[in-house]
PDB file of N, CA and C in Angstrom:
ATOM      1  N   MET A   1     103.561 126.599  92.579  1.00  0.00           N
ATOM      2  CA  MET A   1     104.871 126.132  92.989  1.00  0.00           C
ATOM      3  C   MET A   1     104.923 124.605  92.997  1.00  0.00           C
ATOM      4  N   LYS A   2     103.866 123.990  93.521  1.00  0.00           N
ATOM      5  CA  LYS A   2     103.817 122.538  93.575  1.00  0.00           C
ATOM      6  C   LYS A   2     103.810 121.958  92.154  1.00  0.00           C
ATOM      7  N   ARG A   3     103.066 122.612  91.265  1.00  0.00           N
ATOM      8  CA  ARG A   3     102.995 122.164  89.888  1.00  0.00           C
ATOM      9  C   ARG A   3     104.376 122.247  89.217  1.00  0.00           C
ATOM     10  N   HIS A   4     105.117 123.295  89.521  1.00  0.00           N
ATOM     11  CA  HIS A   4     106.467 123.482  88.969  1.00  0.00           C
ATOM     12  C   HIS A   4     107.388 122.339  89.415  1.00  0.00           C
ATOM     13  N   ARG A   5     107.298 121.937  90.688  1.00  0.00           N
ATOM     14  CA  ARG A   5     108.121 120.826  91.196  1.00  0.00           C
ATOM     15  C   ARG A   5     107.771 119.518  90.497  1.00  0.00           C
ATOM     16  N   ILE A   6     106.492 119.297  90.259  1.00  0.00           N
ATOM     17  CA  ILE A   6     106.063 118.055  89.604  1.00  0.00           C
ATOM     18  C   ILE A   6     106.634 117.997  88.190  1.00  0.00           C
ATOM     19  N   HIS A   7     106.546 119.130  87.474  1.00  0.00           N
ATOM     20  CA  HIS A   7     107.103 119.163  86.119  1.00  0.00           C
ATOM     21  C   HIS A   7     108.620 118.979  86.143  1.00  0.00           C
ATOM     22  N   SER A   8     109.276 119.557  87.118  1.00  0.00           N
ATOM     23  CA  SER A   8     110.726 119.409  87.233  1.00  0.00           C
ATOM     24  C   SER A   8     111.101 117.957  87.507  1.00  0.00           C
ATOM     25  N   LEU A   9     110.377 117.322  88.415  1.00  0.00           N
ATOM     26  CA  LEU A   9     110.646 115.917  88.725  1.00  0.00           C
ATOM     27  C   LEU A   9     110.377 115.031  87.516  1.00  0.00           C
ATOM     28  N   ALA A  10     109.309 115.326  86.790  1.00  0.00           N
ATOM     29  CA  ALA A  10     108.995 114.538  85.592  1.00  0.00           C
ATOM     30  C   ALA A  10     110.106 114.704  84.559  1.00  0.00           C
ATOM     31  N   GLY A  11     110.619 115.920  84.409  1.00  0.00           N
ATOM     32  CA  GLY A  11     111.708 116.169  83.470  1.00  0.00           C
ATOM     33  C   GLY A  11     112.967 115.430  83.863  1.00  0.00           C
ATOM     34  N   ILE A  12     113.255 115.424  85.147  1.00  0.00           N
ATOM     35  CA  ILE A  12     114.444 114.716  85.639  1.00  0.00           C
ATOM     36  C   ILE A  12     114.299 113.218  85.415  1.00  0.00           C
ATOM     37  N   ALA A  13     113.109 112.701  85.696  1.00  0.00           N
ATOM     38  CA  ALA A  13     112.866 111.267  85.505  1.00  0.00           C
ATOM     39  C   ALA A  13     112.996 110.899  84.030  1.00  0.00           C
ATOM     40  N   LEU A  14     112.436 111.731  83.158  1.00  0.00           N
ATOM     41  CA  LEU A  14     112.523 111.472  81.723  1.00  0.00           C
ATOM     42  C   LEU A  14     113.976 111.505  81.248  1.00  0.00           C
ATOM     43  N   ALA A  15     114.737 112.480  81.717  1.00  0.00           N
ATOM     44  CA  ALA A  15     116.150 112.569  81.350  1.00  0.00           C
ATOM     45  C   ALA A  15     116.901 111.333  81.827  1.00  0.00           C
ATOM     46  N   GLY A  16     116.599 110.875  83.032  1.00  0.00           N
ATOM     47  CA  GLY A  16     117.240 109.668  83.564  1.00  0.00           C
ATOM     48  C   GLY A  16     116.932 108.449  82.720  1.00  0.00           C
ATOM     49  N   LEU A  17     115.671 108.311  82.302  1.00  0.00           N
ATOM     50  CA  LEU A  17     115.296 107.184  81.451  1.00  0.00           C
ATOM     51  C   LEU A  17     115.994 107.243  80.100  1.00  0.00           C
ATOM     52  N   MET A  18     116.118 108.437  79.552  1.00  0.00           N
ATOM     53  CA  MET A  18     116.797 108.583  78.267  1.00  0.00           C
ATOM     54  C   MET A  18     118.271 108.211  78.395  1.00  0.00           C
ATOM     55  N   LEU A  19     118.899 108.622  79.482  1.00  0.00           N
ATOM     56  CA  LEU A  19     120.305 108.271  79.701  1.00  0.00           C
ATOM     57  C   LEU A  19     120.478 106.776  79.877  1.00  0.00           C
ATOM     58  N   MET A  20     119.559 106.154  80.613  1.00  0.00           N
ATOM     59  CA  MET A  20     119.654 104.707  80.825  1.00  0.00           C
ATOM     60  C   MET A  20     119.480 103.959  79.511  1.00  0.00           C
ATOM     61  N   SER A  21     118.546 104.392  78.668  1.00  0.00           N
ATOM     62  CA  SER A  21     118.350 103.698  77.401  1.00  0.00           C
ATOM     63  C   SER A  21     119.553 103.903  76.490  1.00  0.00           C
ATOM     64  N   HIS A  22     120.167 105.088  76.545  1.00  0.00           N
ATOM     65  CA  HIS A  22     121.376 105.347  75.754  1.00  0.00           C
ATOM     66  C   HIS A  22     122.522 104.457  76.236  1.00  0.00           C
ATOM     67  N   ALA A  23     122.668 104.335  77.551  1.00  0.00           N
ATOM     68  CA  ALA A  23     123.723 103.486  78.113  1.00  0.00           C
ATOM     69  C   ALA A  23     123.480 102.024  77.750  1.00  0.00           C
ATOM     70  N   ALA A  24     122.224 101.598  77.777  1.00  0.00           N
ATOM     71  CA  ALA A  24     121.908 100.216  77.420  1.00  0.00           C
ATOM     72  C   ALA A  24     122.221  99.953  75.954  1.00  0.00           C
ATOM     73  N   ALA A  25     121.931 100.918  75.090  1.00  0.00           N
ATOM     74  CA  ALA A  25     122.235 100.758  73.672  1.00  0.00           C
ATOM     75  C   ALA A  25     123.740 100.678  73.465  1.00  0.00           C
ATOM     76  N   ALA A  26     124.490 101.522  74.154  1.00  0.00           N
ATOM     77  CA  ALA A  26     125.947 101.493  74.038  1.00  0.00           C
ATOM     78  C   ALA A  26     126.493 100.187  74.588  1.00  0.00           C
ATOM     79  N   ALA A  27     125.917  99.716  75.684  1.00  0.00           N
ATOM     80  CA  ALA A  27     126.388  98.478  76.298  1.00  0.00           C
ATOM     81  C   ALA A  27     126.090  97.281  75.402  1.00  0.00           C
ATOM     82  N   SER A  28     125.061  97.377  74.569  1.00  0.00           N
ATOM     83  CA  SER A  28     124.708  96.247  73.730  1.00  0.00           C
ATOM     84  C   SER A  28     125.563  96.178  72.469  1.00  0.00           C
ATOM     85  N   ALA A  29     126.319  97.231  72.171  1.00  0.00           N
ATOM     86  CA  ALA A  29     127.201  97.189  71.014  1.00  0.00           C
ATOM     87  C   ALA A  29     128.319  96.188  71.290  1.00  0.00           C
ATOM     88  N   PRO A  30     128.573  95.282  70.342  1.00  0.00           N
ATOM     89  CA  PRO A  30     129.623  94.279  70.569  1.00  0.00           C
ATOM     90  C   PRO A  30     131.002  94.925  70.743  1.00  0.00           C
ATOM     91  N   ILE A  31     131.802  94.297  71.572  1.00  0.00           N
ATOM     92  CA  ILE A  31     133.171  94.750  71.813  1.00  0.00           C
ATOM     93  C   ILE A  31     134.089  94.043  70.833  1.00  0.00           C
ATOM     94  N   ASN A  32     134.930  94.806  70.158  1.00  0.00           N
ATOM     95  CA  ASN A  32     135.869  94.245  69.186  1.00  0.00           C
ATOM     96  C   ASN A  32     137.065  93.666  69.948  1.00  0.00           C
ATOM     97  N   ILE A  33     137.214  92.356  69.902  1.00  0.00           N
ATOM     98  CA  ILE A  33     138.283  91.693  70.655  1.00  0.00           C
ATOM     99  C   ILE A  33     139.665  91.956  70.069  1.00  0.00           C
ATOM    100  N   ASN A  34     139.720  92.514  68.863  1.00  0.00           N
ATOM    101  CA  ASN A  34     141.010  92.848  68.263  1.00  0.00           C
ATOM    102  C   ASN A  34     141.506  94.229  68.643  1.00  0.00           C
ATOM    103  N   THR A  35     140.639  95.074  69.163  1.00  0.00           N
ATOM    104  CA  THR A  35     141.035  96.441  69.481  1.00  0.00           C
ATOM    105  C   THR A  35     140.724  96.853  70.915  1.00  0.00           C
ATOM    106  N   ALA A  36     139.954  96.055  71.627  1.00  0.00           N
ATOM    107  CA  ALA A  36     139.513  96.424  72.974  1.00  0.00           C
ATOM    108  C   ALA A  36     140.662  96.424  73.976  1.00  0.00           C
ATOM    109  N   SER A  37     140.568  97.336  74.926  1.00  0.00           N
ATOM    110  CA  SER A  37     141.538  97.379  76.024  1.00  0.00           C
ATOM    111  C   SER A  37     141.163  96.319  77.048  1.00  0.00           C
ATOM    112  N   ALA A  38     142.063  96.085  77.992  1.00  0.00           N
ATOM    113  CA  ALA A  38     141.779  95.135  79.067  1.00  0.00           C
ATOM    114  C   ALA A  38     140.569  95.591  79.866  1.00  0.00           C
ATOM    115  N   ALA A  39     140.446  96.886  80.091  1.00  0.00           N
ATOM    116  CA  ALA A  39     139.308  97.421  80.850  1.00  0.00           C
ATOM    117  C   ALA A  39     137.999  97.163  80.111  1.00  0.00           C
ATOM    118  N   GLU A  40     137.999  97.336  78.792  1.00  0.00           N
ATOM    119  CA  GLU A  40     136.787  97.077  78.007  1.00  0.00           C
ATOM    120  C   GLU A  40     136.439  95.592  78.032  1.00  0.00           C
ATOM    121  N   LEU A  41     137.433  94.742  77.861  1.00  0.00           N
ATOM    122  CA  LEU A  41     137.193  93.300  77.873  1.00  0.00           C
ATOM    123  C   LEU A  41     136.677  92.836  79.231  1.00  0.00           C
ATOM    124  N   ALA A  42     137.177  93.443  80.299  1.00  0.00           N
ATOM    125  CA  ALA A  42     136.777  93.044  81.651  1.00  0.00           C
ATOM    126  C   ALA A  42     135.324  93.398  81.956  1.00  0.00           C
ATOM    127  N   THR A  43     134.688  94.220  81.113  1.00  0.00           N
ATOM    128  CA  THR A  43     133.274  94.527  81.330  1.00  0.00           C
ATOM    129  C   THR A  43     132.375  93.388  80.870  1.00  0.00           C
ATOM    130  N   LEU A  44     132.923  92.443  80.141  1.00  0.00           N
ATOM    131  CA  LEU A  44     132.154  91.305  79.659  1.00  0.00           C
ATOM    132  C   LEU A  44     131.906  90.312  80.789  1.00  0.00           C
ATOM    133  N   SER A  45     130.710  89.787  80.850  1.00  0.00           N
ATOM    134  CA  SER A  45     130.365  88.800  81.867  1.00  0.00           C
ATOM    135  C   SER A  45     131.232  87.557  81.686  1.00  0.00           C
ATOM    136  N   GLY A  46     131.874  87.130  82.749  1.00  0.00           N
ATOM    137  CA  GLY A  46     132.739  85.958  82.701  1.00  0.00           C
ATOM    138  C   GLY A  46     134.198  86.286  82.413  1.00  0.00           C
ATOM    139  N   ILE A  47     134.472  87.556  82.125  1.00  0.00           N
ATOM    140  CA  ILE A  47     135.848  87.977  81.847  1.00  0.00           C
ATOM    141  C   ILE A  47     136.276  88.955  82.935  1.00  0.00           C
ATOM    142  N   GLY A  48     137.225  88.546  83.719  1.00  0.00           N
ATOM    143  CA  GLY A  48     137.784  89.432  84.731  1.00  0.00           C
ATOM    144  C   GLY A  48     139.092  89.999  84.229  1.00  0.00           C
ATOM    145  N   PRO A  49     139.814  90.695  85.089  1.00  0.00           N
ATOM    146  CA  PRO A  49     141.084  91.300  84.673  1.00  0.00           C
ATOM    147  C   PRO A  49     142.105  90.288  84.144  1.00  0.00           C
ATOM    148  N   ALA A  50     142.188  89.112  84.756  1.00  0.00           N
ATOM    149  CA  ALA A  50     143.180  88.119  84.328  1.00  0.00           C
ATOM    150  C   ALA A  50     142.865  87.574  82.936  1.00  0.00           C
ATOM    151  N   LYS A  51     141.601  87.231  82.676  1.00  0.00           N
ATOM    152  CA  LYS A  51     141.240  86.713  81.352  1.00  0.00           C
ATOM    153  C   LYS A  51     141.320  87.816  80.306  1.00  0.00           C
ATOM    154  N   ALA A  52     140.972  89.036  80.684  1.00  0.00           N
ATOM    155  CA  ALA A  52     141.097  90.155  79.750  1.00  0.00           C
ATOM    156  C   ALA A  52     142.553  90.302  79.320  1.00  0.00           C
ATOM    157  N   GLN A  53     143.462  90.215  80.276  1.00  0.00           N
ATOM    158  CA  GLN A  53     144.887  90.327  79.948  1.00  0.00           C
ATOM    159  C   GLN A  53     145.348  89.137  79.117  1.00  0.00           C
ATOM    160  N   ALA A  54     144.796  87.956  79.397  1.00  0.00           N
ATOM    161  CA  ALA A  54     145.147  86.768  78.609  1.00  0.00           C
ATOM    162  C   ALA A  54     144.712  86.937  77.152  1.00  0.00           C
ATOM    163  N   ILE A  55     143.557  87.570  76.928  1.00  0.00           N
ATOM    164  CA  ILE A  55     143.082  87.826  75.569  1.00  0.00           C
ATOM    165  C   ILE A  55     144.052  88.771  74.861  1.00  0.00           C
ATOM    166  N   ILE A  56     144.444  89.829  75.547  1.00  0.00           N
ATOM    167  CA  ILE A  56     145.377  90.794  74.955  1.00  0.00           C
ATOM    168  C   ILE A  56     146.735  90.152  74.697  1.00  0.00           C
ATOM    169  N   ASP A  57     147.223  89.363  75.656  1.00  0.00           N
ATOM    170  CA  ASP A  57     148.512  88.686  75.472  1.00  0.00           C
ATOM    171  C   ASP A  57     148.477  87.767  74.254  1.00  0.00           C
ATOM    172  N   HIS A  58     147.385  87.010  74.120  1.00  0.00           N
ATOM    173  CA  HIS A  58     147.244  86.107  72.976  1.00  0.00           C
ATOM    174  C   HIS A  58     147.226  86.910  71.674  1.00  0.00           C
ATOM    175  N   ARG A  59     146.483  87.998  71.673  1.00  0.00           N
ATOM    176  CA  ARG A  59     146.367  88.851  70.481  1.00  0.00           C
ATOM    177  C   ARG A  59     147.720  89.435  70.083  1.00  0.00           C
ATOM    178  N   GLU A  60     148.501  89.855  71.079  1.00  0.00           N
ATOM    179  CA  GLU A  60     149.815  90.431  70.790  1.00  0.00           C
ATOM    180  C   GLU A  60     150.806  89.376  70.308  1.00  0.00           C
ATOM    181  N   LYS A  61     150.704  88.169  70.839  1.00  0.00           N
ATOM    182  CA  LYS A  61     151.632  87.103  70.473  1.00  0.00           C
ATOM    183  C   LYS A  61     151.269  86.449  69.141  1.00  0.00           C
ATOM    184  N   GLU A  62     149.993  86.183  68.926  1.00  0.00           N
ATOM    185  CA  GLU A  62     149.544  85.411  67.762  1.00  0.00           C
ATOM    186  C   GLU A  62     148.952  86.264  66.648  1.00  0.00           C
ATOM    187  N   GLY A  63     148.724  87.534  66.897  1.00  0.00           N
ATOM    188  CA  GLY A  63     148.080  88.390  65.900  1.00  0.00           C
ATOM    189  C   GLY A  63     146.592  88.483  66.154  1.00  0.00           C
ATOM    190  N   GLN A  64     145.928  89.243  65.326  1.00  0.00           N
ATOM    191  CA  GLN A  64     144.503  89.487  65.518  1.00  0.00           C
ATOM    192  C   GLN A  64     143.690  88.206  65.388  1.00  0.00           C
ATOM    193  N   PHE A  65     142.572  88.190  66.102  1.00  0.00           N
ATOM    194  CA  PHE A  65     141.633  87.082  66.020  1.00  0.00           C
ATOM    195  C   PHE A  65     140.944  87.149  64.664  1.00  0.00           C
ATOM    196  N   LYS A  66     140.847  86.030  63.982  1.00  0.00           N
ATOM    197  CA  LYS A  66     140.180  85.991  62.685  1.00  0.00           C
ATOM    198  C   LYS A  66     138.681  85.790  62.842  1.00  0.00           C
ATOM    199  N   SER A  67     138.289  85.154  63.944  1.00  0.00           N
ATOM    200  CA  SER A  67     136.869  84.966  64.239  1.00  0.00           C
ATOM    201  C   SER A  67     136.694  84.929  65.745  1.00  0.00           C
ATOM    202  N   VAL A  68     135.464  85.082  66.181  1.00  0.00           N
ATOM    203  CA  VAL A  68     135.155  85.024  67.608  1.00  0.00           C
ATOM    204  C   VAL A  68     135.519  83.647  68.157  1.00  0.00           C
ATOM    205  N   ASP A  69     135.388  82.618  67.334  1.00  0.00           N
ATOM    206  CA  ASP A  69     135.735  81.254  67.764  1.00  0.00           C
ATOM    207  C   ASP A  69     137.189  81.131  68.211  1.00  0.00           C
ATOM    208  N   ASP A  70     138.062  82.006  67.712  1.00  0.00           N
ATOM    209  CA  ASP A  70     139.471  81.967  68.093  1.00  0.00           C
ATOM    210  C   ASP A  70     139.680  82.274  69.578  1.00  0.00           C
ATOM    211  N   LEU A  71     138.667  82.806  70.241  1.00  0.00           N
ATOM    212  CA  LEU A  71     138.797  83.043  71.685  1.00  0.00           C
ATOM    213  C   LEU A  71     139.051  81.742  72.440  1.00  0.00           C
ATOM    214  N   LYS A  72     138.622  80.617  71.866  1.00  0.00           N
ATOM    215  CA  LYS A  72     138.862  79.324  72.509  1.00  0.00           C
ATOM    216  C   LYS A  72     140.352  79.003  72.601  1.00  0.00           C
ATOM    217  N   LEU A  73     141.165  79.696  71.837  1.00  0.00           N
ATOM    218  CA  LEU A  73     142.609  79.489  71.889  1.00  0.00           C
ATOM    219  C   LEU A  73     143.232  80.154  73.118  1.00  0.00           C
ATOM    220  N   VAL A  74     142.451  81.004  73.786  1.00  0.00           N
ATOM    221  CA  VAL A  74     142.925  81.702  74.975  1.00  0.00           C
ATOM    222  C   VAL A  74     142.681  80.816  76.186  1.00  0.00           C
ATOM    223  N   ARG A  75     143.718  80.641  76.985  1.00  0.00           N
ATOM    224  CA  ARG A  75     143.610  79.806  78.177  1.00  0.00           C
ATOM    225  C   ARG A  75     142.494  80.331  79.090  1.00  0.00           C
ATOM    226  N   GLY A  76     141.635  79.418  79.517  1.00  0.00           N
ATOM    227  CA  GLY A  76     140.547  79.776  80.419  1.00  0.00           C
ATOM    228  C   GLY A  76     139.231  80.071  79.718  1.00  0.00           C
ATOM    229  N   ILE A  77     139.229  80.041  78.389  1.00  0.00           N
ATOM    230  CA  ILE A  77     137.983  80.263  77.650  1.00  0.00           C
ATOM    231  C   ILE A  77     137.627  78.976  76.921  1.00  0.00           C
ATOM    232  N   GLY A  78     136.536  78.378  77.359  1.00  0.00           N
ATOM    233  CA  GLY A  78     136.068  77.132  76.762  1.00  0.00           C
ATOM    234  C   GLY A  78     134.769  77.351  76.009  1.00  0.00           C
ATOM    235  N   ASP A  79     134.160  76.257  75.613  1.00  0.00           N
ATOM    236  CA  ASP A  79     132.934  76.309  74.820  1.00  0.00           C
ATOM    237  C   ASP A  79     131.816  77.084  75.515  1.00  0.00           C
ATOM    238  N   LYS A  80     131.623  76.812  76.787  1.00  0.00           N
ATOM    239  CA  LYS A  80     130.514  77.432  77.518  1.00  0.00           C
ATOM    240  C   LYS A  80     130.691  78.954  77.605  1.00  0.00           C
ATOM    241  N   LEU A  81     131.878  79.399  77.982  1.00  0.00           N
ATOM    242  CA  LEU A  81     132.124  80.835  78.088  1.00  0.00           C
ATOM    243  C   LEU A  81     132.077  81.481  76.710  1.00  0.00           C
ATOM    244  N   LEU A  82     132.597  80.807  75.703  1.00  0.00           N
ATOM    245  CA  LEU A  82     132.560  81.353  74.346  1.00  0.00           C
ATOM    246  C   LEU A  82     131.122  81.610  73.914  1.00  0.00           C
ATOM    247  N   GLU A  83     130.244  80.674  74.153  1.00  0.00           N
ATOM    248  CA  GLU A  83     128.844  80.852  73.762  1.00  0.00           C
ATOM    249  C   GLU A  83     128.188  81.982  74.542  1.00  0.00           C
ATOM    250  N   GLN A  84     128.597  82.176  75.780  1.00  0.00           N
ATOM    251  CA  GLN A  84     128.080  83.281  76.594  1.00  0.00           C
ATOM    252  C   GLN A  84     128.575  84.621  76.025  1.00  0.00           C
ATOM    253  N   LEU A  85     129.815  84.657  75.542  1.00  0.00           N
ATOM    254  CA  LEU A  85     130.415  85.883  75.033  1.00  0.00           C
ATOM    255  C   LEU A  85     129.990  86.219  73.604  1.00  0.00           C
ATOM    256  N   ARG A  86     129.682  85.208  72.817  1.00  0.00           N
ATOM    257  CA  ARG A  86     129.465  85.365  71.378  1.00  0.00           C
ATOM    258  C   ARG A  86     128.577  86.562  70.995  1.00  0.00           C
ATOM    259  N   PRO A  87     127.429  86.790  71.645  1.00  0.00           N
ATOM    260  CA  PRO A  87     126.596  87.927  71.225  1.00  0.00           C
ATOM    261  C   PRO A  87     127.192  89.288  71.591  1.00  0.00           C
ATOM    262  N   HIS A  88     128.208  89.297  72.418  1.00  0.00           N
ATOM    263  CA  HIS A  88     128.737  90.548  72.951  1.00  0.00           C
ATOM    264  C   HIS A  88     130.106  90.942  72.398  1.00  0.00           C
ATOM    265  N   VAL A  89     130.660  90.099  71.522  1.00  0.00           N
ATOM    266  CA  VAL A  89     131.986  90.380  70.974  1.00  0.00           C
ATOM    267  C   VAL A  89     131.977  90.254  69.453  1.00  0.00           C
ATOM    268  N   THR A  90     132.958  90.871  68.832  1.00  0.00           N
ATOM    269  CA  THR A  90     133.088  90.820  67.377  1.00  0.00           C
ATOM    270  C   THR A  90     134.558  90.960  66.991  1.00  0.00           C
ATOM    271  N   VAL A  91     134.853  90.633  65.747  1.00  0.00           N
ATOM    272  CA  VAL A  91     136.177  90.903  65.178  1.00  0.00           C
ATOM    273  C   VAL A  91     136.037  91.880  64.010  1.00  0.00           C
ATOM    274  N   GLU A  92     134.816  92.328  63.755  1.00  0.00           N
ATOM    275  CA  GLU A  92     134.545  93.267  62.664  1.00  0.00           C
ATOM    276  C   GLU A  92     135.132  94.624  62.975  1.00  0.00           C
ATOM    277  N   GLY A  93     135.524  95.345  61.937  1.00  0.00           N
ATOM    278  CA  GLY A  93     136.097  96.671  62.134  1.00  0.00           C
ATOM    279  C   GLY A  93     137.338  96.594  62.992  1.00  0.00           C
ATOM    280  N   SER A  94     138.223  95.693  62.637  1.00  0.00           N
ATOM    281  CA  SER A  94     139.373  95.375  63.482  1.00  0.00           C
ATOM    282  C   SER A  94     140.374  96.497  63.629  1.00  0.00           C
ATOM    283  N   GLY A  95     140.204  97.584  62.897  1.00  0.00           N
ATOM    284  CA  GLY A  95     141.122  98.701  63.049  1.00  0.00           C
ATOM    285  C   GLY A  95     142.437  98.510  62.328  1.00  0.00           C
ATOM    286  N   GLU A  96     142.499  97.513  61.451  1.00  0.00           N
ATOM    287  CA  GLU A  96     143.723  97.310  60.689  1.00  0.00           C
ATOM    288  C   GLU A  96     143.916  98.484  59.739  1.00  0.00           C
ATOM    289  N   LEU A  97     145.150  98.840  59.513  1.00  0.00           N
ATOM    290  CA  LEU A  97     145.444  99.902  58.573  1.00  0.00           C
ATOM    291  C   LEU A  97     145.193  99.389  57.166  1.00  0.00           C
ATOM    292  N   PRO A  98     144.652 100.239  56.292  1.00  0.00           N
ATOM    293  CA  PRO A  98     144.431  99.784  54.917  1.00  0.00           C
ATOM    294  C   PRO A  98     145.763  99.555  54.216  1.00  0.00           C
ATOM    295  N   ALA A  99     145.739  98.711  53.211  1.00  0.00           N
ATOM    296  CA  ALA A  99     146.954  98.446  52.436  1.00  0.00           C
ATOM    297  C   ALA A  99     147.389  99.744  51.765  1.00  0.00           C
ATOM    298  N   PRO A 100     148.696  99.999  51.720  1.00  0.00           N
ATOM    299  CA  PRO A 100     149.164 101.230  51.085  1.00  0.00           C
ATOM    300  C   PRO A 100     148.865 101.223  49.592  1.00  0.00           C
ATOM    301  N   HIS A 101     148.683 102.397  49.056  1.00  0.00           N
ATOM    302  CA  HIS A 101     148.452 102.546  47.618  1.00  0.00           C
ATOM    303  C   HIS A 101     149.715 102.084  46.891  1.00  0.00           C
ATOM    304  N   PRO A 102     149.573 101.366  45.767  1.00  0.00           N
ATOM    305  CA  PRO A 102     150.761 100.844  45.069  1.00  0.00           C
ATOM    306  C   PRO A 102     151.778 101.924  44.709  1.00  0.00           C
ATOM    307  N   ASN A 103     151.341 103.117  44.420  1.00  0.00           N
ATOM    308  CA  ASN A 103     152.264 104.189  44.061  1.00  0.00           C
ATOM    309  C   ASN A 103     152.997 104.749  45.273  1.00  0.00           C
ATOM    310  N   ALA A 104     152.498 104.484  46.467  1.00  0.00           N
ATOM    311  CA  ALA A 104     153.128 105.008  47.678  1.00  0.00           C
ATOM    312  C   ALA A 104     154.525 104.415  47.858  1.00  0.00           C
ATOM    313  N   ALA A 105     154.692 103.129  47.579  1.00  0.00           N
ATOM    314  CA  ALA A 105     156.009 102.496  47.719  1.00  0.00           C
ATOM    315  C   ALA A 105     156.986 103.079  46.702  1.00  0.00           C
ATOM    316  N   THR A 106     156.519 103.314  45.490  1.00  0.00           N
ATOM    317  CA  THR A 106     157.383 103.894  44.464  1.00  0.00           C
ATOM    318  C   THR A 106     157.815 105.293  44.861  1.00  0.00           C
ATOM    319  N   ALA A 107     156.873 106.080  45.382  1.00  0.00           N
ATOM    320  CA  ALA A 107     157.186 107.446  45.801  1.00  0.00           C
ATOM    321  C   ALA A 107     158.161 107.442  46.984  1.00  0.00           C
ATOM    322  N   ALA A 108     157.975 106.503  47.915  1.00  0.00           N
ATOM    323  CA  ALA A 108     158.860 106.414  49.083  1.00  0.00           C
ATOM    324  C   ALA A 108     160.277 106.042  48.642  1.00  0.00           C
ATOM    325  N   ASN A 109     160.399 105.104  47.710  1.00  0.00           N
ATOM    326  CA  ASN A 109     161.719 104.695  47.221  1.00  0.00           C
ATOM    327  C   ASN A 109     162.388 105.833  46.447  1.00  0.00           C
ATOM    328  N   ALA A 110     161.608 106.585  45.665  1.00  0.00           N
ATOM    329  CA  ALA A 110     162.170 107.684  44.877  1.00  0.00           C
ATOM    330  C   ALA A 110     162.700 108.774  45.794  1.00  0.00           C
ATOM    331  N   SER A 111     162.061 108.994  46.950  1.00  0.00           N
ATOM    332  CA  SER A 111     162.522 110.054  47.839  1.00  0.00           C
ATOM    333  C   SER A 111     163.810 109.678  48.556  1.00  0.00           C
ATOM    334  N   LYS A 112     164.156 108.388  48.588  1.00  0.00           N
ATOM    335  CA  LYS A 112     165.396 107.948  49.237  1.00  0.00           C
ATOM    336  C   LYS A 112     166.599 108.211  48.346  1.00  0.00           C
ATOM    337  N   HIS A 113     166.376 108.343  47.039  1.00  0.00           N
ATOM    338  CA  HIS A 113     167.484 108.500  46.095  1.00  0.00           C
ATOM    339  C   HIS A 113     167.805 109.922  45.843  1.00  0.00           C
TER     340      HIS A 113
END
């Protein structure tokens, strides 16, 4: 019985370590500043709810960020904070819709007639 408990505890500990390493790997994936929600942005060190909303407001007003450096255009984000954020954010995979196929416009116009 004692041996069974030891194996059970070891299994639980191993499962916990695996979950922690999975969470750490997920946490290390950069956050896309062009698609992230305010809640996702607020998980970044140095970014609270107000700055997260400022990032979203800037993105909605000015369009998607072309580079991580564009974060400096957001009020409250300076050189020091940008360098702190740089390894944790990206603009890659921005979620933009692909350009429509050239024949799609012709087909859409033909269906109107």
